[in-house]
Amino acid sequence: MAAAAVASGSSATGTKGNGSGGRVGPSEAGGPRKKKGPGPLATAYLVIYNVVMTAGWLVIAVGLVRAYLAKGSYHNLYYSIEKPLKFFQTGALLEILHCAIGIVPSSVVLTSFQVMSRVFLIWAVTHSVKEVQNEDSVLLFVIAWTITEIIRYSFYTFSLLNHLPYIIKWARYTLFIVLYPMGVSGELLTIYAALPFVRQASLYSISLPNKYNFSFDYYAFLILIMISYIPLFPQLYLHMIHQRRKVLSHPEEHKKCE
């Protein structure tokens, strides 16, 4: 579910061990635990990675603004940022590797789920079904993702440098209140808009009979993905609210972050 990736706006704490691009930090998986941070070389690499990713999403944000000012309309802005969006969102696959090799103390399975859900929405839905690229719902989730990722990667960068401005910490644990429902709405509406075209073209579907004796209905698969949002969205959203209260309820930590 791509929404889980948007939920990353509340994941991880301000510890050095989590300032890495991993989605959900260990403190969220099982309570506060002190983790040894990455070594000097790993830290340097992670700082560079997060700076590059922050810059990449800033490029997307600037591209959206420039296209809007040039066209005077918010319609069809997707084409102005399509390439950098695909590049930097796909670049998030490295976060799975970071977890796998142990330089980020986050769950490989959960990180894979969250990253791949967004990559799936970009490539298997928006890229594959050209007709939905004109939908306003695409812009809805792109804006939500862009703001979320600029904040998230900035948060990780400053955390790794042990100098986290409180405004970034506050934004990371507050703006999701609007951005998460916004992103989820855009994702669901985009998948829904793709359904008629997927059914008409039998996109990615495998029919019987065939030599493998296997069938797959991509149309039904997308419907199942949409249904999965029903139980997952409330749980993730309430979890994020809980994390916000826990992280922002300690005034003494504000001075440490500034």
Protein backbone atom coordinates (compact mmCIF):
# COMPACT_ATOMS: atom_id res chain seq x y z
CA MET A 1 0.00 0.00 0.00
CA ALA A 2 1.51 3.29 -1.09
CA ALA A 3 -0.13 5.01 1.82
CA ALA A 4 2.27 3.24 4.13
CA ALA A 5 5.08 5.15 2.52
CA VAL A 6 3.37 8.43 3.22
CA ALA A 7 3.05 7.25 6.77
CA SER A 8 6.79 7.43 6.98
CA GLY A 9 6.34 11.09 7.77
CA SER A 10 6.00 9.98 11.39
CA SER A 11 8.46 7.14 11.53
CA ALA A 12 11.83 7.12 13.25
CA THR A 13 13.06 9.21 16.09
CA GLY A 14 15.68 11.88 16.26
CA THR A 15 18.45 9.44 17.13
CA LYS A 16 21.50 9.17 15.00
CA GLY A 17 20.86 5.53 14.30
CA ASN A 18 17.64 6.35 12.47
CA GLY A 19 18.75 9.31 10.40
CA SER A 20 19.26 7.18 7.39
CA GLY A 21 16.39 6.99 4.99
CA GLY A 22 14.87 3.91 6.67
CA ARG A 23 11.11 4.20 6.98
CA VAL A 24 10.09 2.97 10.41
CA GLY A 25 12.55 3.28 13.24
CA PRO A 26 13.16 0.72 15.93
CA SER A 27 11.56 2.92 18.57
CA GLU A 28 8.25 2.51 16.78
CA ALA A 29 8.62 -1.22 16.33
CA GLY A 30 9.07 -2.04 19.99
CA GLY A 31 9.50 0.96 22.25
CA PRO A 32 12.51 3.23 22.84
CA ARG A 33 15.78 1.40 22.49
CA LYS A 34 19.27 2.78 22.21
CA LYS A 35 21.01 1.62 19.05
CA LYS A 36 24.60 2.00 18.06
CA GLY A 37 24.80 4.38 15.13
CA PRO A 38 26.48 3.62 11.81
CA GLY A 39 30.26 3.91 11.49
CA PRO A 40 32.01 7.00 10.08
CA LEU A 41 32.01 5.77 6.45
CA ALA A 42 28.40 4.63 6.62
CA THR A 43 27.39 7.91 8.24
CA ALA A 44 29.14 9.91 5.51
CA TYR A 45 27.42 7.84 2.83
CA LEU A 46 24.01 8.20 4.49
CA VAL A 47 24.43 11.97 4.81
CA ILE A 48 25.24 12.19 1.09
CA TYR A 49 22.32 9.92 0.21
CA ASN A 50 19.83 11.93 2.24
CA VAL A 51 21.16 15.27 0.95
CA VAL A 52 20.80 14.02 -2.63
CA MET A 53 17.28 12.75 -1.98
CA THR A 54 16.30 16.01 -0.29
CA ALA A 55 17.63 17.93 -3.29
CA GLY A 56 15.83 15.59 -5.68
CA TRP A 57 12.44 16.13 -4.07
CA LEU A 58 13.14 19.86 -3.97
CA VAL A 59 13.69 19.68 -7.74
CA ILE A 60 10.28 18.04 -8.05
CA ALA A 61 8.69 20.75 -5.87
CA VAL A 62 10.29 23.54 -7.90
CA GLY A 63 9.23 21.80 -11.13
CA LEU A 64 5.63 21.71 -9.98
CA VAL A 65 5.66 25.40 -9.04
CA ARG A 66 7.33 26.47 -12.30
CA ALA A 67 4.92 24.43 -14.40
CA TYR A 68 1.94 25.86 -12.53
CA LEU A 69 3.16 29.44 -13.01
CA ALA A 70 3.84 28.81 -16.70
CA LYS A 71 0.48 27.16 -17.42
CA GLY A 72 -1.64 29.09 -14.96
CA SER A 73 -3.42 25.84 -14.13
CA TYR A 74 -2.81 22.85 -11.88
CA HIS A 75 -4.06 20.42 -14.54
CA ASN A 76 -1.58 18.11 -16.31
CA LEU A 77 1.38 19.11 -14.15
CA TYR A 78 2.48 15.48 -13.88
CA TYR A 79 4.37 15.60 -17.17
CA SER A 80 6.60 18.42 -15.93
CA ILE A 81 8.00 16.30 -13.10
CA GLU A 82 7.49 12.75 -14.42
CA LYS A 83 11.18 11.90 -14.94
CA PRO A 84 12.59 13.20 -11.64
CA LEU A 85 9.62 11.70 -9.78
CA LYS A 86 10.30 8.26 -11.22
CA PHE A 87 14.04 8.59 -10.65
CA PHE A 88 14.02 9.71 -7.03
CA GLN A 89 11.11 7.54 -5.93
CA THR A 90 12.79 4.52 -7.48
CA GLY A 91 16.02 5.63 -5.79
CA ALA A 92 14.31 4.95 -2.48
CA LEU A 93 14.88 1.24 -3.20
CA LEU A 94 18.34 1.80 -1.76
CA GLU A 95 16.68 2.17 1.63
CA ILE A 96 15.90 -1.55 1.52
CA LEU A 97 19.59 -2.25 0.97
CA HIS A 98 20.51 0.05 3.87
CA CYS A 99 18.36 -2.07 6.18
CA ALA A 100 19.57 -5.36 4.71
CA ILE A 101 23.27 -4.60 5.29
CA GLY A 102 22.62 -3.21 8.75
CA ILE A 103 23.58 0.45 8.44
CA VAL A 104 19.99 1.36 9.23
CA PRO A 105 18.30 -0.28 12.23
CA SER A 106 14.91 -0.74 10.58
CA SER A 107 12.92 -3.78 9.48
CA VAL A 108 13.85 -4.99 5.99
CA VAL A 109 10.37 -6.44 5.48
CA LEU A 110 8.50 -3.32 6.56
CA THR A 111 10.82 -0.98 4.66
CA SER A 112 10.48 -3.14 1.54
CA PHE A 113 6.70 -3.05 1.83
CA GLN A 114 6.59 0.70 2.20
CA VAL A 115 9.09 1.51 -0.55
CA MET A 116 7.75 -1.02 -3.05
CA SER A 117 4.18 0.21 -2.55
CA ARG A 118 5.14 3.62 -3.86
CA VAL A 119 7.29 2.23 -6.65
CA PHE A 120 4.33 0.05 -7.61
CA LEU A 121 1.99 3.04 -7.79
CA ILE A 122 4.45 5.01 -9.90
CA TRP A 123 5.36 2.28 -12.40
CA ALA A 124 2.56 -0.32 -12.36
CA VAL A 125 -0.29 2.17 -12.21
CA THR A 126 0.60 5.73 -13.19
CA HIS A 127 3.26 4.84 -15.78
CA SER A 128 1.47 1.79 -17.17
CA VAL A 129 -1.96 3.38 -17.47
CA LYS A 130 -1.23 6.56 -19.41
CA GLU A 131 -4.85 7.71 -19.23
CA VAL A 132 -4.65 8.40 -15.49
CA GLN A 133 -1.69 10.75 -15.79
CA ASN A 134 -4.10 13.59 -16.52
CA GLU A 135 -6.11 12.92 -13.36
CA ASP A 136 -5.97 15.53 -10.61
CA SER A 137 -5.64 12.68 -8.12
CA VAL A 138 -2.09 12.06 -9.35
CA LEU A 139 -1.16 15.62 -8.48
CA LEU A 140 -2.78 15.11 -5.09
CA PHE A 141 -0.50 12.27 -4.04
CA VAL A 142 2.55 13.77 -5.76
CA ILE A 143 2.24 16.97 -3.71
CA ALA A 144 1.72 14.97 -0.50
CA TRP A 145 4.74 12.77 -1.25
CA THR A 146 6.92 15.72 -2.22
CA ILE A 147 6.35 17.69 0.97
CA THR A 148 6.65 14.55 3.09
CA GLU A 149 9.95 13.48 1.53
CA ILE A 150 11.58 16.91 1.69
CA ILE A 151 10.84 16.98 5.40
CA ARG A 152 11.76 13.32 5.97
CA TYR A 153 15.13 13.38 4.23
CA SER A 154 15.98 16.72 5.84
CA PHE A 155 15.11 15.19 9.21
CA TYR A 156 17.44 12.24 8.58
CA THR A 157 20.26 14.48 7.36
CA PHE A 158 20.22 16.78 10.37
CA SER A 159 19.81 13.80 12.72
CA LEU A 160 22.95 12.21 11.31
CA LEU A 161 24.78 15.51 11.82
CA ASN A 162 23.48 15.64 15.42
CA HIS A 163 21.92 19.05 14.80
CA LEU A 164 18.19 18.71 14.29
CA PRO A 165 16.26 22.02 14.18
CA TYR A 166 13.04 21.76 16.14
CA ILE A 167 11.02 23.18 13.25
CA ILE A 168 11.96 20.17 11.09
CA LYS A 169 11.18 17.77 13.91
CA TRP A 170 7.85 19.50 14.47
CA ALA A 171 7.00 19.46 10.76
CA ARG A 172 7.85 15.77 10.48
CA TYR A 173 5.53 14.83 13.32
CA THR A 174 2.74 17.32 12.51
CA LEU A 175 2.19 17.86 8.79
CA PHE A 176 1.31 14.19 8.27
CA ILE A 177 -2.05 15.04 9.88
CA VAL A 178 -2.99 16.63 6.54
CA LEU A 179 -0.50 15.02 4.16
CA TYR A 180 -1.32 11.39 4.98
CA PRO A 181 -5.08 11.59 4.23
CA MET A 182 -4.24 13.74 1.20
CA GLY A 183 -1.81 11.16 -0.14
CA VAL A 184 -4.13 8.23 0.56
CA SER A 185 -6.99 10.00 -1.23
CA GLY A 186 -4.83 10.67 -4.27
CA GLU A 187 -3.55 7.09 -4.38
CA LEU A 188 -7.00 5.51 -4.09
CA LEU A 189 -8.56 7.84 -6.65
CA THR A 190 -5.71 7.17 -9.08
CA ILE A 191 -6.04 3.39 -8.77
CA TYR A 192 -9.83 3.70 -9.14
CA ALA A 193 -9.41 5.81 -12.28
CA ALA A 194 -7.07 3.17 -13.74
CA LEU A 195 -9.50 0.27 -13.26
CA PRO A 196 -11.60 0.68 -16.47
CA PHE A 197 -8.48 0.91 -18.64
CA VAL A 198 -6.86 -2.07 -16.92
CA ARG A 199 -9.97 -4.19 -17.53
CA GLN A 200 -10.35 -3.05 -21.13
CA ALA A 201 -6.75 -3.84 -22.03
CA SER A 202 -6.43 -6.89 -19.71
CA LEU A 203 -3.25 -5.19 -18.51
CA TYR A 204 -0.77 -7.54 -16.81
CA SER A 205 -3.45 -10.23 -16.65
CA ILE A 206 -2.84 -13.89 -17.49
CA SER A 207 -5.72 -15.98 -18.73
CA LEU A 208 -6.22 -19.72 -18.87
CA PRO A 209 -5.47 -21.95 -20.60
CA ASN A 210 -1.69 -21.58 -20.72
CA LYS A 211 1.25 -23.96 -20.35
CA TYR A 212 1.83 -22.88 -16.75
CA ASN A 213 -1.80 -23.50 -15.76
CA PHE A 214 -1.77 -20.17 -13.96
CA SER A 215 -4.07 -17.17 -14.13
CA PHE A 216 -3.80 -13.66 -12.76
CA ASP A 217 -6.33 -10.85 -12.87
CA TYR A 218 -4.59 -7.50 -12.43
CA TYR A 219 -7.96 -5.73 -12.26
CA ALA A 220 -9.00 -7.80 -9.23
CA PHE A 221 -5.54 -7.36 -7.74
CA LEU A 222 -5.90 -3.55 -7.82
CA ILE A 223 -9.31 -3.82 -6.17
CA LEU A 224 -7.77 -5.90 -3.38
CA ILE A 225 -5.10 -3.25 -2.92
CA MET A 226 -7.78 -0.58 -2.56
CA ILE A 227 -9.66 -2.71 -0.02
CA SER A 228 -6.45 -3.15 2.00
CA TYR A 229 -6.46 0.58 2.73
CA ILE A 230 -9.61 0.15 4.85
CA PRO A 231 -7.99 -1.69 7.79
CA LEU A 232 -4.49 -0.26 7.37
CA PHE A 233 -5.17 3.47 7.11
CA PRO A 234 -6.85 3.96 10.54
CA GLN A 235 -4.20 1.86 12.30
CA LEU A 236 -1.29 3.71 10.74
CA TYR A 237 -2.87 7.11 11.25
CA LEU A 238 -3.64 6.51 14.93
CA HIS A 239 -0.14 5.10 15.42
CA MET A 240 1.31 8.26 13.93
CA ILE A 241 -0.82 10.43 16.23
CA HIS A 242 0.51 8.42 19.18
CA GLN A 243 4.09 8.88 17.98
CA ARG A 244 3.55 12.63 17.65
CA ARG A 245 2.37 12.92 21.23
CA LYS A 246 5.29 10.87 22.48
CA VAL A 247 8.00 12.66 20.50
CA LEU A 248 6.76 16.25 20.88
CA SER A 249 5.68 15.99 24.51
CA HIS A 250 9.17 16.45 26.00
CA PRO A 251 10.06 20.16 26.08
CA GLU A 252 13.54 19.39 27.39
CA GLU A 253 14.35 17.67 24.10
CA HIS A 254 13.66 20.84 22.14
CA LYS A 255 16.85 22.45 23.40
CA LYS A 256 18.88 19.39 22.40
CA CYS A 257 17.55 19.60 18.87
CA GLU A 258 18.28 23.28 18.37
